Amino acid sequence: MKLDRDALIVAFDDNSLERSYYLDRDSGKVFNLLEDHHGPETEEIAWQVEADGGRRFIQIPKLSMEEMMQEQDSFLESLEDSELKTALAAVLESDPDGSRFDEFIHRRRDAREKWRAYVRVRSGDRANQWLASHGIETT
C-alpha cells in the first residue's frame, strides 16, 4: 500500500475530540470526519465507515488523558537541564489535568518549537507501531 505518511502523522498529532481520523486500507489515504459536521458527502463517508466494520477503514486512535500526561512527562525528561526544564517541571508539578502545560507551551516560543518537534517524532513512532499492530506494510 502507498501510504500518505504525512497525513497519518498529522492524525496521530491531533487529539481533538471533534475530529476522528481513518485510514483507508485500499488507497492508503487518511481522512477525517468532524463529529458535528453534517452534509451529504460526510454522511456518505460515515455510512461507509460504519457499514465496513473495520475491514477497509480503520480508526486512528487518540491518546488517552493518562497517555497525554505521560507524553508531557517524557517531553520534560527529554529536555536538557535549563531554565525551560525547571519552569516546565514546576508547571507539571501543579497541573493535574494538563491544562497549564498547554498554556505554558503556547506562551513560550522555545517550548512550543521543542514540543512540536518532540510530538512529530513521537507521533511517527506511534504511527509505525500502530501500522505494525494491524499488519500493514507500506511503501
Foldseek 3Di string as FASTA:
>chain_A
DAAPLVVQLVQALDQDPQKWWKAFLVPNYIDIAGNPDDDDVNVVVVVCVVVVVCPGIHIDDYDDQVRVLVLLVVLLVVDDDDPVSVVSVVQNVPPPRCPSVVVVLVVDPVSVVSSVVSSSVVSSVVSVVVCVVVVHDHD
